[in-house]
Amino acid sequence: MDRQALCEFISEKTGKCKILVVGDVMLDKYYYGEVKRISPEAPVPITHVMEEKETLGGAANVAHNLALLGCQTSICGFVGNDYHCQSLMEKFIARGIDIRGLVPTESPTTTKIRVIGGHQQMLRLDFEDTEPVEGHYADRMKNYVSQKLNESMDCVVISDYGKGACTEDVCQTVIKFCHDHGVPVIVDPKGSNWTKYSRADYITPNVKEINEVLLDPIKNEDTAVERAARYVMRKFKLKNIIVTRSAKGLSLVQDEDIIHIPTRSQEVFDVSGAGDTVIAVFAMALAGGLKPADGAYMANLAASVVVAKLGTYAVSKEELLKEMQEVELS
């Protein structure tokens, strides 16, 4: 597909893509300020808060990216009965994201609060319960996924942040449901137990994450990345892998083929959220019937926008289209 066709897809056809995101839903909250003195109460800097911001994080950020790209987006995950849940739901609704898959539990809504002085993160507060969610809560999640697939989905994303939603039972059930319906499923992994992702169509680790399942860690080099990718594909029965490689772009590894896509030169401020953008854009491409190589190319371009921003950031359709128009397809 040529650049013009990709631009046409982004500007005119993403609205037809129906995508479900399953996983660890989070709220990211930021307090921005300046530090001019040390507290007399304890040897800690006093931050004069000048601005605060709340954004969607984890699986919620994947859904946020998809919504800004114009896709018909649904979210499925666990939340608590608290203020942070209310804030999450308001943001989902404002972006047109279907929230019927949010399952309320007795645990808190996973929330990360960061205090930023200048460009330096000074403190983080975590509200969470990372125990695996099982029993009737997990059953409600699985039932919702089955229902959505019966309504016709084009792609499903499993976004695992290790906060309890993506147990082996849930992941394997979702993957089986997707295959029964002929729907591709893409996983953003966490931790070393990749058995729970077996038979997924795509998995999108970064180099650090792929090293967690290897006996001997690799360097971020083309040959090493390909060898490691093929090893984990065999070991965990994975069909394809996209390895995100920070400043070196990403690599798409399939049965016989491999494509290394270099990053667009960009000043990097923050890589947080870049993986969410990669999986969202790639899922959109698969949902729209594009070739995996074209999806990987667009995902890499979108990530170059995100890493130049501070904090969790979701790329919009207009930003991706602008990036596409400024570079030539190789």
C-alpha atoms as a PDB file:
ATOM      1  CA  MET A   1       0.000   0.000   0.000  1.00  0.00           C
ATOM      2  CA  ASP A   2       1.372   3.425  -0.887  1.00  0.00           C
ATOM      3  CA  ARG A   3       1.492   6.513   1.297  1.00  0.00           C
ATOM      4  CA  GLN A   4      -1.566   8.086  -0.307  1.00  0.00           C
ATOM      5  CA  ALA A   5      -3.650   4.999   0.410  1.00  0.00           C
ATOM      6  CA  LEU A   6      -2.499   4.938   4.037  1.00  0.00           C
ATOM      7  CA  CYS A   7      -3.359   8.614   4.442  1.00  0.00           C
ATOM      8  CA  GLU A   8      -6.788   7.953   2.933  1.00  0.00           C
ATOM      9  CA  PHE A   9      -7.330   5.114   5.403  1.00  0.00           C
ATOM     10  CA  ILE A  10      -6.411   7.309   8.371  1.00  0.00           C
ATOM     11  CA  SER A  11      -8.556  10.254   7.292  1.00  0.00           C
ATOM     12  CA  GLU A  12     -11.625   8.391   6.025  1.00  0.00           C
ATOM     13  CA  LYS A  13     -11.846   4.756   7.166  1.00  0.00           C
ATOM     14  CA  THR A  14     -10.802   4.429  10.812  1.00  0.00           C
ATOM     15  CA  GLY A  15     -14.386   5.088  11.904  1.00  0.00           C
ATOM     16  CA  LYS A  16     -15.374   1.657  10.596  1.00  0.00           C
ATOM     17  CA  CYS A  17     -12.851  -0.157  12.827  1.00  0.00           C
ATOM     18  CA  LYS A  18     -14.481  -1.848  15.843  1.00  0.00           C
ATOM     19  CA  ILE A  19     -11.943  -2.692  18.542  1.00  0.00           C
ATOM     20  CA  LEU A  20     -12.257  -4.068  22.075  1.00  0.00           C
ATOM     21  CA  VAL A  21      -9.549  -3.420  24.687  1.00  0.00           C
ATOM     22  CA  VAL A  22      -9.344  -5.860  27.619  1.00  0.00           C
ATOM     23  CA  GLY A  23      -6.983  -5.385  30.533  1.00  0.00           C
ATOM     24  CA  ASP A  24      -5.709  -3.287  33.422  1.00  0.00           C
ATOM     25  CA  VAL A  25      -7.599   0.005  33.403  1.00  0.00           C
ATOM     26  CA  MET A  26      -5.766   2.863  35.134  1.00  0.00           C
ATOM     27  CA  LEU A  27      -5.984   6.567  35.846  1.00  0.00           C
ATOM     28  CA  ASP A  28      -2.818   8.683  35.641  1.00  0.00           C
ATOM     29  CA  LYS A  29      -2.878  11.878  37.681  1.00  0.00           C
ATOM     30  CA  TYR A  30      -0.154  14.545  37.507  1.00  0.00           C
ATOM     31  CA  TYR A  31       0.624  17.515  39.745  1.00  0.00           C
ATOM     32  CA  TYR A  32       3.025  19.951  38.070  1.00  0.00           C
ATOM     33  CA  GLY A  33       4.821  22.616  40.061  1.00  0.00           C
ATOM     34  CA  GLU A  34       8.047  24.304  41.051  1.00  0.00           C
ATOM     35  CA  VAL A  35      10.409  23.693  43.930  1.00  0.00           C
ATOM     36  CA  LYS A  36      12.029  26.622  45.679  1.00  0.00           C
ATOM     37  CA  ARG A  37      12.647  25.410  49.212  1.00  0.00           C
ATOM     38  CA  ILE A  38      12.955  22.442  51.560  1.00  0.00           C
ATOM     39  CA  SER A  39      10.277  21.665  54.130  1.00  0.00           C
ATOM     40  CA  PRO A  40      11.087  22.622  57.748  1.00  0.00           C
ATOM     41  CA  GLU A  41       9.096  19.552  58.842  1.00  0.00           C
ATOM     42  CA  ALA A  42      11.293  16.985  57.061  1.00  0.00           C
ATOM     43  CA  PRO A  43      14.197  17.072  54.563  1.00  0.00           C
ATOM     44  CA  VAL A  44      11.917  16.966  51.515  1.00  0.00           C
ATOM     45  CA  PRO A  45      11.354  19.510  48.723  1.00  0.00           C
ATOM     46  CA  ILE A  46       8.156  21.550  48.829  1.00  0.00           C
ATOM     47  CA  THR A  47       6.386  21.569  45.471  1.00  0.00           C
ATOM     48  CA  HIS A  48       4.195  24.561  44.773  1.00  0.00           C
ATOM     49  CA  VAL A  49       1.481  23.009  42.589  1.00  0.00           C
ATOM     50  CA  MET A  50       0.670  25.171  39.574  1.00  0.00           C
ATOM     51  CA  GLU A  51      -1.194  22.717  37.359  1.00  0.00           C
ATOM     52  CA  GLU A  52      -2.860  19.329  37.634  1.00  0.00           C
ATOM     53  CA  LYS A  53      -3.919  16.861  34.967  1.00  0.00           C
ATOM     54  CA  GLU A  54      -5.698  13.512  34.797  1.00  0.00           C
ATOM     55  CA  THR A  55      -5.258  11.138  31.870  1.00  0.00           C
ATOM     56  CA  LEU A  56      -6.245   7.609  30.976  1.00  0.00           C
ATOM     57  CA  GLY A  57      -3.513   5.042  31.682  1.00  0.00           C
ATOM     58  CA  GLY A  58      -2.754   1.367  31.035  1.00  0.00           C
ATOM     59  CA  ALA A  59      -5.462  -0.369  29.006  1.00  0.00           C
ATOM     60  CA  ALA A  60      -7.472   2.843  29.284  1.00  0.00           C
ATOM     61  CA  ASN A  61      -4.718   4.688  27.404  1.00  0.00           C
ATOM     62  CA  VAL A  62      -4.858   2.114  24.599  1.00  0.00           C
ATOM     63  CA  ALA A  63      -8.599   2.785  24.336  1.00  0.00           C
ATOM     64  CA  HIS A  64      -7.914   6.535  24.475  1.00  0.00           C
ATOM     65  CA  ASN A  65      -5.515   6.263  21.516  1.00  0.00           C
ATOM     66  CA  LEU A  66      -8.038   4.235  19.529  1.00  0.00           C
ATOM     67  CA  ALA A  67     -10.827   6.729  20.230  1.00  0.00           C
ATOM     68  CA  LEU A  68      -8.666   9.686  19.154  1.00  0.00           C
ATOM     69  CA  LEU A  69      -7.827   7.772  15.977  1.00  0.00           C
ATOM     70  CA  GLY A  70     -11.554   7.608  15.250  1.00  0.00           C
ATOM     71  CA  CYS A  71     -12.163   3.903  15.957  1.00  0.00           C
ATOM     72  CA  GLN A  72     -15.323   2.470  17.514  1.00  0.00           C
ATOM     73  CA  THR A  73     -13.772   1.564  20.859  1.00  0.00           C
ATOM     74  CA  SER A  74     -14.945  -0.544  23.802  1.00  0.00           C
ATOM     75  CA  ILE A  75     -13.111  -1.039  27.111  1.00  0.00           C
ATOM     76  CA  CYS A  76     -13.274  -4.035  29.464  1.00  0.00           C
ATOM     77  CA  GLY A  77     -11.573  -4.098  32.871  1.00  0.00           C
ATOM     78  CA  PHE A  78     -11.969  -3.752  36.627  1.00  0.00           C
ATOM     79  CA  VAL A  79     -12.623  -0.574  38.599  1.00  0.00           C
ATOM     80  CA  GLY A  80     -13.431   0.339  42.199  1.00  0.00           C
ATOM     81  CA  ASN A  81     -16.306   2.281  43.699  1.00  0.00           C
ATOM     82  CA  ASP A  82     -14.404   5.532  44.203  1.00  0.00           C
ATOM     83  CA  TYR A  83     -13.709   9.023  42.882  1.00  0.00           C
ATOM     84  CA  HIS A  84     -11.019   7.758  40.531  1.00  0.00           C
ATOM     85  CA  CYS A  85     -13.548   5.451  38.856  1.00  0.00           C
ATOM     86  CA  GLN A  86     -15.923   8.369  38.344  1.00  0.00           C
ATOM     87  CA  SER A  87     -13.127  10.379  36.760  1.00  0.00           C
ATOM     88  CA  LEU A  88     -12.258   7.462  34.465  1.00  0.00           C
ATOM     89  CA  MET A  89     -15.835   6.968  33.339  1.00  0.00           C
ATOM     90  CA  GLU A  90     -16.298  10.666  32.608  1.00  0.00           C
ATOM     91  CA  LYS A  91     -13.209  10.604  30.393  1.00  0.00           C
ATOM     92  CA  PHE A  92     -14.315   7.439  28.589  1.00  0.00           C
ATOM     93  CA  ILE A  93     -17.786   8.847  27.932  1.00  0.00           C
ATOM     94  CA  ALA A  94     -16.372  12.191  26.742  1.00  0.00           C
ATOM     95  CA  ARG A  95     -14.311  10.295  24.155  1.00  0.00           C
ATOM     96  CA  GLY A  96     -17.170   8.078  22.997  1.00  0.00           C
ATOM     97  CA  ILE A  97     -15.708   4.881  24.456  1.00  0.00           C
ATOM     98  CA  ASP A  98     -18.184   2.111  25.350  1.00  0.00           C
ATOM     99  CA  ILE A  99     -17.860   1.512  29.135  1.00  0.00           C
ATOM    100  CA  ARG A 100     -20.314  -1.368  29.538  1.00  0.00           C
ATOM    101  CA  GLY A 101     -17.357  -3.725  30.028  1.00  0.00           C
ATOM    102  CA  LEU A 102     -16.143  -1.998  33.208  1.00  0.00           C
ATOM    103  CA  VAL A 103     -16.663  -4.408  36.110  1.00  0.00           C
ATOM    104  CA  PRO A 104     -16.905  -2.810  39.597  1.00  0.00           C
ATOM    105  CA  THR A 105     -15.017  -4.617  42.388  1.00  0.00           C
ATOM    106  CA  GLU A 106     -14.260  -4.014  46.068  1.00  0.00           C
ATOM    107  CA  SER A 107     -10.649  -3.039  45.228  1.00  0.00           C
ATOM    108  CA  PRO A 108      -9.588   0.545  44.454  1.00  0.00           C
ATOM    109  CA  THR A 109      -9.457   1.827  40.889  1.00  0.00           C
ATOM    110  CA  THR A 110      -5.800   1.525  39.891  1.00  0.00           C
ATOM    111  CA  THR A 111      -4.434   5.074  40.003  1.00  0.00           C
ATOM    112  CA  LYS A 112      -0.926   6.525  39.714  1.00  0.00           C
ATOM    113  CA  ILE A 113      -0.378  10.022  41.120  1.00  0.00           C
ATOM    114  CA  ARG A 114       2.851  11.730  40.089  1.00  0.00           C
ATOM    115  CA  VAL A 115       4.329  14.963  41.430  1.00  0.00           C
ATOM    116  CA  ILE A 116       6.500  16.727  38.845  1.00  0.00           C
ATOM    117  CA  GLY A 117       8.902  19.555  39.691  1.00  0.00           C
ATOM    118  CA  GLY A 118      10.041  21.121  36.424  1.00  0.00           C
ATOM    119  CA  HIS A 119      10.651  18.069  34.205  1.00  0.00           C
ATOM    120  CA  GLN A 120      11.681  15.877  37.151  1.00  0.00           C
ATOM    121  CA  GLN A 121       9.324  13.324  38.701  1.00  0.00           C
ATOM    122  CA  MET A 122       9.695  13.747  42.456  1.00  0.00           C
ATOM    123  CA  LEU A 123       7.091  11.419  43.922  1.00  0.00           C
ATOM    124  CA  ARG A 124       4.579   8.766  42.881  1.00  0.00           C
ATOM    125  CA  LEU A 125       1.606   7.492  44.859  1.00  0.00           C
ATOM    126  CA  ASP A 126      -0.052   4.212  43.805  1.00  0.00           C
ATOM    127  CA  PHE A 127      -3.634   3.242  44.625  1.00  0.00           C
ATOM    128  CA  GLU A 128      -4.021  -0.402  43.622  1.00  0.00           C
ATOM    129  CA  ASP A 129      -4.602  -4.035  44.512  1.00  0.00           C
ATOM    130  CA  THR A 130      -2.554  -6.288  42.230  1.00  0.00           C
ATOM    131  CA  GLU A 131      -3.974  -9.626  43.367  1.00  0.00           C
ATOM    132  CA  PRO A 132      -5.343 -11.696  40.442  1.00  0.00           C
ATOM    133  CA  VAL A 133      -9.039 -10.999  39.935  1.00  0.00           C
ATOM    134  CA  GLU A 134     -10.940 -14.277  39.792  1.00  0.00           C
ATOM    135  CA  GLY A 135     -14.357 -15.766  40.512  1.00  0.00           C
ATOM    136  CA  HIS A 136     -17.527 -13.959  39.511  1.00  0.00           C
ATOM    137  CA  TYR A 137     -15.680 -10.726  38.642  1.00  0.00           C
ATOM    138  CA  ALA A 138     -13.557 -12.569  36.059  1.00  0.00           C
ATOM    139  CA  ASP A 139     -16.658 -14.403  34.826  1.00  0.00           C
ATOM    140  CA  ARG A 140     -18.375 -11.071  34.180  1.00  0.00           C
ATOM    141  CA  MET A 141     -15.364  -9.940  32.144  1.00  0.00           C
ATOM    142  CA  LYS A 142     -15.310 -13.120  30.062  1.00  0.00           C
ATOM    143  CA  ASN A 143     -19.062 -12.984  29.472  1.00  0.00           C
ATOM    144  CA  TYR A 144     -18.779  -9.396  28.263  1.00  0.00           C
ATOM    145  CA  VAL A 145     -15.997 -10.289  25.815  1.00  0.00           C
ATOM    146  CA  SER A 146     -18.100 -13.160  24.445  1.00  0.00           C
ATOM    147  CA  GLN A 147     -21.058 -10.813  24.028  1.00  0.00           C
ATOM    148  CA  LYS A 148     -18.994  -8.170  22.216  1.00  0.00           C
ATOM    149  CA  LEU A 149     -17.535 -10.738  19.823  1.00  0.00           C
ATOM    150  CA  ASN A 150     -21.068 -11.875  18.998  1.00  0.00           C
ATOM    151  CA  GLU A 151     -21.819  -8.240  18.140  1.00  0.00           C
ATOM    152  CA  SER A 152     -18.907  -8.341  15.668  1.00  0.00           C
ATOM    153  CA  MET A 153     -15.466  -6.960  16.500  1.00  0.00           C
ATOM    154  CA  ASP A 154     -12.602  -6.394  14.053  1.00  0.00           C
ATOM    155  CA  CYS A 155      -9.778  -6.764  16.588  1.00  0.00           C
ATOM    156  CA  VAL A 156      -9.201  -7.361  20.323  1.00  0.00           C
ATOM    157  CA  VAL A 157      -6.307  -5.980  22.379  1.00  0.00           C
ATOM    158  CA  ILE A 158      -5.189  -7.523  25.678  1.00  0.00           C
ATOM    159  CA  SER A 159      -3.307  -4.851  27.643  1.00  0.00           C
ATOM    160  CA  ASP A 160      -1.536  -6.467  30.607  1.00  0.00           C
ATOM    161  CA  TYR A 161      -0.015  -4.136  33.206  1.00  0.00           C
ATOM    162  CA  GLY A 162       0.273  -6.764  35.931  1.00  0.00           C
ATOM    163  CA  LYS A 163      -2.559  -5.317  38.020  1.00  0.00           C
ATOM    164  CA  GLY A 164      -4.641  -8.495  38.274  1.00  0.00           C
ATOM    165  CA  ALA A 165      -7.012  -8.379  35.289  1.00  0.00           C
ATOM    166  CA  CYS A 166      -4.985 -10.476  32.847  1.00  0.00           C
ATOM    167  CA  THR A 167      -4.832 -13.868  34.531  1.00  0.00           C
ATOM    168  CA  GLU A 168      -3.970 -16.979  32.528  1.00  0.00           C
ATOM    169  CA  ASP A 169      -7.629 -18.025  32.616  1.00  0.00           C
ATOM    170  CA  VAL A 170      -8.855 -14.668  31.295  1.00  0.00           C
ATOM    171  CA  CYS A 171      -6.170 -14.361  28.613  1.00  0.00           C
ATOM    172  CA  GLN A 172      -6.606 -17.909  27.304  1.00  0.00           C
ATOM    173  CA  THR A 173     -10.392 -17.575  27.332  1.00  0.00           C
ATOM    174  CA  VAL A 174     -10.267 -14.276  25.418  1.00  0.00           C
ATOM    175  CA  ILE A 175      -7.785 -15.679  22.878  1.00  0.00           C
ATOM    176  CA  LYS A 176      -9.979 -18.761  22.324  1.00  0.00           C
ATOM    177  CA  PHE A 177     -13.124 -16.633  21.967  1.00  0.00           C
ATOM    178  CA  CYS A 178     -11.356 -14.441  19.404  1.00  0.00           C
ATOM    179  CA  HIS A 179     -10.150 -17.382  17.346  1.00  0.00           C
ATOM    180  CA  ASP A 180     -13.631 -18.948  17.437  1.00  0.00           C
ATOM    181  CA  HIS A 181     -14.899 -15.724  15.842  1.00  0.00           C
ATOM    182  CA  GLY A 182     -11.976 -15.277  13.432  1.00  0.00           C
ATOM    183  CA  VAL A 183     -10.927 -12.052  15.168  1.00  0.00           C
ATOM    184  CA  PRO A 184      -7.199 -11.216  15.586  1.00  0.00           C
ATOM    185  CA  VAL A 185      -5.978 -10.681  19.151  1.00  0.00           C
ATOM    186  CA  ILE A 186      -2.918  -8.598  20.056  1.00  0.00           C
ATOM    187  CA  VAL A 187      -1.218  -8.736  23.463  1.00  0.00           C
ATOM    188  CA  ASP A 188       0.886  -6.144  25.247  1.00  0.00           C
ATOM    189  CA  PRO A 189       2.696  -8.429  27.743  1.00  0.00           C
ATOM    190  CA  LYS A 190       3.890  -8.016  31.305  1.00  0.00           C
ATOM    191  CA  GLY A 191       6.141 -10.204  33.430  1.00  0.00           C
ATOM    192  CA  SER A 192       7.752 -13.552  32.603  1.00  0.00           C
ATOM    193  CA  ASN A 193       4.691 -15.827  32.373  1.00  0.00           C
ATOM    194  CA  TRP A 194       4.027 -15.664  28.654  1.00  0.00           C
ATOM    195  CA  THR A 195       2.334 -19.062  28.699  1.00  0.00           C
ATOM    196  CA  LYS A 196      -0.882 -17.186  29.378  1.00  0.00           C
ATOM    197  CA  TYR A 197      -0.540 -15.452  25.981  1.00  0.00           C
ATOM    198  CA  SER A 198       0.041 -18.648  23.984  1.00  0.00           C
ATOM    199  CA  ARG A 199      -1.548 -18.753  20.532  1.00  0.00           C
ATOM    200  CA  ALA A 200      -2.048 -14.986  20.420  1.00  0.00           C
ATOM    201  CA  ASP A 201      -1.880 -13.598  16.887  1.00  0.00           C
ATOM    202  CA  TYR A 202       0.516 -10.787  17.850  1.00  0.00           C
ATOM    203  CA  ILE A 203       2.479  -9.796  20.929  1.00  0.00           C
ATOM    204  CA  THR A 204       4.203  -6.427  21.355  1.00  0.00           C
ATOM    205  CA  PRO A 205       7.026  -6.534  23.941  1.00  0.00           C
ATOM    206  CA  ASN A 206       9.845  -4.047  24.234  1.00  0.00           C
ATOM    207  CA  VAL A 207      13.424  -5.307  24.541  1.00  0.00           C
ATOM    208  CA  LYS A 208      13.334  -5.182  28.345  1.00  0.00           C
ATOM    209  CA  GLU A 209      10.151  -7.268  28.408  1.00  0.00           C
ATOM    210  CA  ILE A 210      11.478  -9.871  25.973  1.00  0.00           C
ATOM    211  CA  ASN A 211      14.613 -10.165  28.118  1.00  0.00           C
ATOM    212  CA  GLU A 212      12.436 -11.147  31.083  1.00  0.00           C
ATOM    213  CA  VAL A 213      11.584 -14.465  29.393  1.00  0.00           C
ATOM    214  CA  LEU A 214      15.116 -15.233  28.155  1.00  0.00           C
ATOM    215  CA  LEU A 215      17.841 -17.068  30.073  1.00  0.00           C
ATOM    216  CA  ASP A 216      20.478 -14.844  28.490  1.00  0.00           C
ATOM    217  CA  PRO A 217      19.461 -11.194  27.953  1.00  0.00           C
ATOM    218  CA  ILE A 218      20.080  -9.753  24.498  1.00  0.00           C
ATOM    219  CA  LYS A 219      21.344  -6.410  23.296  1.00  0.00           C
ATOM    220  CA  ASN A 220      19.151  -4.147  21.208  1.00  0.00           C
ATOM    221  CA  GLU A 221      20.630  -5.304  17.873  1.00  0.00           C
ATOM    222  CA  ASP A 222      18.816  -6.566  14.767  1.00  0.00           C
ATOM    223  CA  THR A 223      20.209 -10.116  14.697  1.00  0.00           C
ATOM    224  CA  ALA A 224      19.834 -10.650  18.430  1.00  0.00           C
ATOM    225  CA  VAL A 225      16.282  -9.310  18.429  1.00  0.00           C
ATOM    226  CA  GLU A 226      15.260 -11.589  15.552  1.00  0.00           C
ATOM    227  CA  ARG A 227      16.799 -14.661  17.167  1.00  0.00           C
ATOM    228  CA  ALA A 228      15.133 -13.930  20.500  1.00  0.00           C
ATOM    229  CA  ALA A 229      11.783 -13.233  18.853  1.00  0.00           C
ATOM    230  CA  ARG A 230      11.796 -16.540  16.981  1.00  0.00           C
ATOM    231  CA  TYR A 231      12.760 -18.382  20.153  1.00  0.00           C
ATOM    232  CA  VAL A 232       9.818 -16.994  22.154  1.00  0.00           C
ATOM    233  CA  MET A 233       7.470 -17.536  19.203  1.00  0.00           C
ATOM    234  CA  ARG A 234       8.317 -21.239  19.296  1.00  0.00           C
ATOM    235  CA  LYS A 235       8.357 -21.538  23.082  1.00  0.00           C
ATOM    236  CA  PHE A 236       5.025 -19.819  23.681  1.00  0.00           C
ATOM    237  CA  LYS A 237       3.257 -20.743  20.410  1.00  0.00           C
ATOM    238  CA  LEU A 238       2.958 -17.117  19.296  1.00  0.00           C
ATOM    239  CA  LYS A 239       2.169 -16.366  15.658  1.00  0.00           C
ATOM    240  CA  ASN A 240       3.867 -12.965  15.252  1.00  0.00           C
ATOM    241  CA  ILE A 241       5.884 -10.520  17.354  1.00  0.00           C
ATOM    242  CA  ILE A 242       6.405  -6.776  17.185  1.00  0.00           C
ATOM    243  CA  VAL A 243       9.431  -5.808  19.279  1.00  0.00           C
ATOM    244  CA  THR A 244       9.487  -2.120  20.165  1.00  0.00           C
ATOM    245  CA  ARG A 245      13.088  -0.953  20.406  1.00  0.00           C
ATOM    246  CA  SER A 246      13.039   2.617  21.704  1.00  0.00           C
ATOM    247  CA  ALA A 247      15.478   4.761  19.681  1.00  0.00           C
ATOM    248  CA  LYS A 248      15.971   1.915  17.177  1.00  0.00           C
ATOM    249  CA  GLY A 249      12.329   1.767  16.102  1.00  0.00           C
ATOM    250  CA  LEU A 250      10.608  -1.601  15.974  1.00  0.00           C
ATOM    251  CA  SER A 251      10.896  -5.047  14.392  1.00  0.00           C
ATOM    252  CA  LEU A 252       8.002  -7.084  12.983  1.00  0.00           C
ATOM    253  CA  VAL A 253       8.830 -10.814  13.076  1.00  0.00           C
ATOM    254  CA  GLN A 254       6.573 -13.261  11.250  1.00  0.00           C
ATOM    255  CA  ASP A 255       6.889 -16.903  10.102  1.00  0.00           C
ATOM    256  CA  GLU A 256       9.497 -16.351   7.424  1.00  0.00           C
ATOM    257  CA  ASP A 257       9.768 -12.591   7.249  1.00  0.00           C
ATOM    258  CA  ILE A 258      11.266  -9.866   9.408  1.00  0.00           C
ATOM    259  CA  ILE A 259      11.053  -6.118   8.929  1.00  0.00           C
ATOM    260  CA  HIS A 260      13.172  -3.649  10.888  1.00  0.00           C
ATOM    261  CA  ILE A 261      11.627  -0.166  10.868  1.00  0.00           C
ATOM    262  CA  PRO A 262      13.950   2.602  12.093  1.00  0.00           C
ATOM    263  CA  THR A 263      12.527   5.346  14.262  1.00  0.00           C
ATOM    264  CA  ARG A 264      11.996   8.821  12.948  1.00  0.00           C
ATOM    265  CA  SER A 265      14.651  11.113  14.433  1.00  0.00           C
ATOM    266  CA  GLN A 266      13.062  12.748  17.444  1.00  0.00           C
ATOM    267  CA  GLU A 267      14.108  14.249  20.746  1.00  0.00           C
ATOM    268  CA  VAL A 268      12.948  11.791  23.381  1.00  0.00           C
ATOM    269  CA  PHE A 269      11.439  13.167  26.584  1.00  0.00           C
ATOM    270  CA  ASP A 270       9.406  10.225  27.853  1.00  0.00           C
ATOM    271  CA  VAL A 271       8.770   6.703  26.514  1.00  0.00           C
ATOM    272  CA  SER A 272       5.815   6.090  28.851  1.00  0.00           C
ATOM    273  CA  GLY A 273       2.697   5.332  26.855  1.00  0.00           C
ATOM    274  CA  ALA A 274       4.576   4.672  23.618  1.00  0.00           C
ATOM    275  CA  GLY A 275       3.791   0.949  23.811  1.00  0.00           C
ATOM    276  CA  ASP A 276       0.083   1.756  24.216  1.00  0.00           C
ATOM    277  CA  THR A 277       0.209   3.861  21.062  1.00  0.00           C
ATOM    278  CA  VAL A 278       2.039   1.170  19.087  1.00  0.00           C
ATOM    279  CA  ILE A 279      -0.502  -1.528  19.931  1.00  0.00           C
ATOM    280  CA  ALA A 280      -3.451   0.827  19.328  1.00  0.00           C
ATOM    281  CA  VAL A 281      -2.308   1.943  15.876  1.00  0.00           C
ATOM    282  CA  PHE A 282      -1.368  -1.592  14.884  1.00  0.00           C
ATOM    283  CA  ALA A 283      -4.748  -2.901  16.065  1.00  0.00           C
ATOM    284  CA  MET A 284      -6.469  -0.196  14.040  1.00  0.00           C
ATOM    285  CA  ALA A 285      -4.520  -1.254  10.948  1.00  0.00           C
ATOM    286  CA  LEU A 286      -5.437  -4.934  11.387  1.00  0.00           C
ATOM    287  CA  ALA A 287      -9.066  -3.996  12.026  1.00  0.00           C
ATOM    288  CA  GLY A 288      -9.034  -2.005   8.794  1.00  0.00           C
ATOM    289  CA  GLY A 289      -7.626  -4.906   6.785  1.00  0.00           C
ATOM    290  CA  LEU A 290      -4.192  -3.367   6.193  1.00  0.00           C
ATOM    291  CA  LYS A 291      -1.032  -5.420   5.793  1.00  0.00           C
ATOM    292  CA  PRO A 292       0.863  -5.995   9.077  1.00  0.00           C
ATOM    293  CA  ALA A 293       3.931  -4.238   7.633  1.00  0.00           C
ATOM    294  CA  ASP A 294       1.875  -1.101   6.933  1.00  0.00           C
ATOM    295  CA  GLY A 295       0.408  -1.248  10.426  1.00  0.00           C
ATOM    296  CA  ALA A 296       3.885  -1.555  11.953  1.00  0.00           C
ATOM    297  CA  TYR A 297       5.094   1.391   9.874  1.00  0.00           C
ATOM    298  CA  MET A 298       2.219   3.604  11.063  1.00  0.00           C
ATOM    299  CA  ALA A 299       2.623   2.439  14.675  1.00  0.00           C
ATOM    300  CA  ASN A 300       6.293   3.381  14.622  1.00  0.00           C
ATOM    301  CA  LEU A 301       5.477   6.846  13.285  1.00  0.00           C
ATOM    302  CA  ALA A 302       2.820   7.360  15.941  1.00  0.00           C
ATOM    303  CA  ALA A 303       5.243   6.340  18.694  1.00  0.00           C
ATOM    304  CA  SER A 304       7.671   9.030  17.516  1.00  0.00           C
ATOM    305  CA  VAL A 305       5.011  11.616  18.358  1.00  0.00           C
ATOM    306  CA  VAL A 306       4.370  10.201  21.828  1.00  0.00           C
ATOM    307  CA  VAL A 307       7.990   9.978  23.021  1.00  0.00           C
ATOM    308  CA  ALA A 308       8.436  13.706  22.380  1.00  0.00           C
ATOM    309  CA  LYS A 309       5.738  14.443  24.991  1.00  0.00           C
ATOM    310  CA  LEU A 310       6.061  14.420  28.765  1.00  0.00           C
ATOM    311  CA  GLY A 311       3.798  11.945  30.570  1.00  0.00           C
ATOM    312  CA  THR A 312       1.109   9.625  29.216  1.00  0.00           C
ATOM    313  CA  TYR A 313      -0.042  10.871  25.819  1.00  0.00           C
ATOM    314  CA  ALA A 314      -2.485   9.623  23.189  1.00  0.00           C
ATOM    315  CA  VAL A 315      -1.890  10.423  19.531  1.00  0.00           C
ATOM    316  CA  SER A 316      -4.774  11.796  17.463  1.00  0.00           C
ATOM    317  CA  LYS A 317      -5.856  11.016  13.923  1.00  0.00           C
ATOM    318  CA  GLU A 318      -4.738  14.485  12.849  1.00  0.00           C
ATOM    319  CA  GLU A 319      -1.256  14.056  14.349  1.00  0.00           C
ATOM    320  CA  LEU A 320      -0.759  10.656  12.724  1.00  0.00           C
ATOM    321  CA  LEU A 321      -1.969  11.978   9.380  1.00  0.00           C
ATOM    322  CA  LYS A 322       0.449  14.894   9.658  1.00  0.00           C
ATOM    323  CA  GLU A 323       3.339  12.497  10.350  1.00  0.00           C
ATOM    324  CA  MET A 324       2.334  10.358   7.368  1.00  0.00           C
ATOM    325  CA  GLN A 325       2.244  13.379   5.073  1.00  0.00           C
ATOM    326  CA  GLU A 326       5.663  14.588   6.196  1.00  0.00           C
ATOM    327  CA  VAL A 327       7.599  11.407   5.476  1.00  0.00           C
ATOM    328  CA  GLU A 328       7.819   9.212   2.446  1.00  0.00           C
ATOM    329  CA  LEU A 329       7.082   5.517   2.631  1.00  0.00           C
ATOM    330  CA  SER A 330      10.156   3.427   2.058  1.00  0.00           C
END
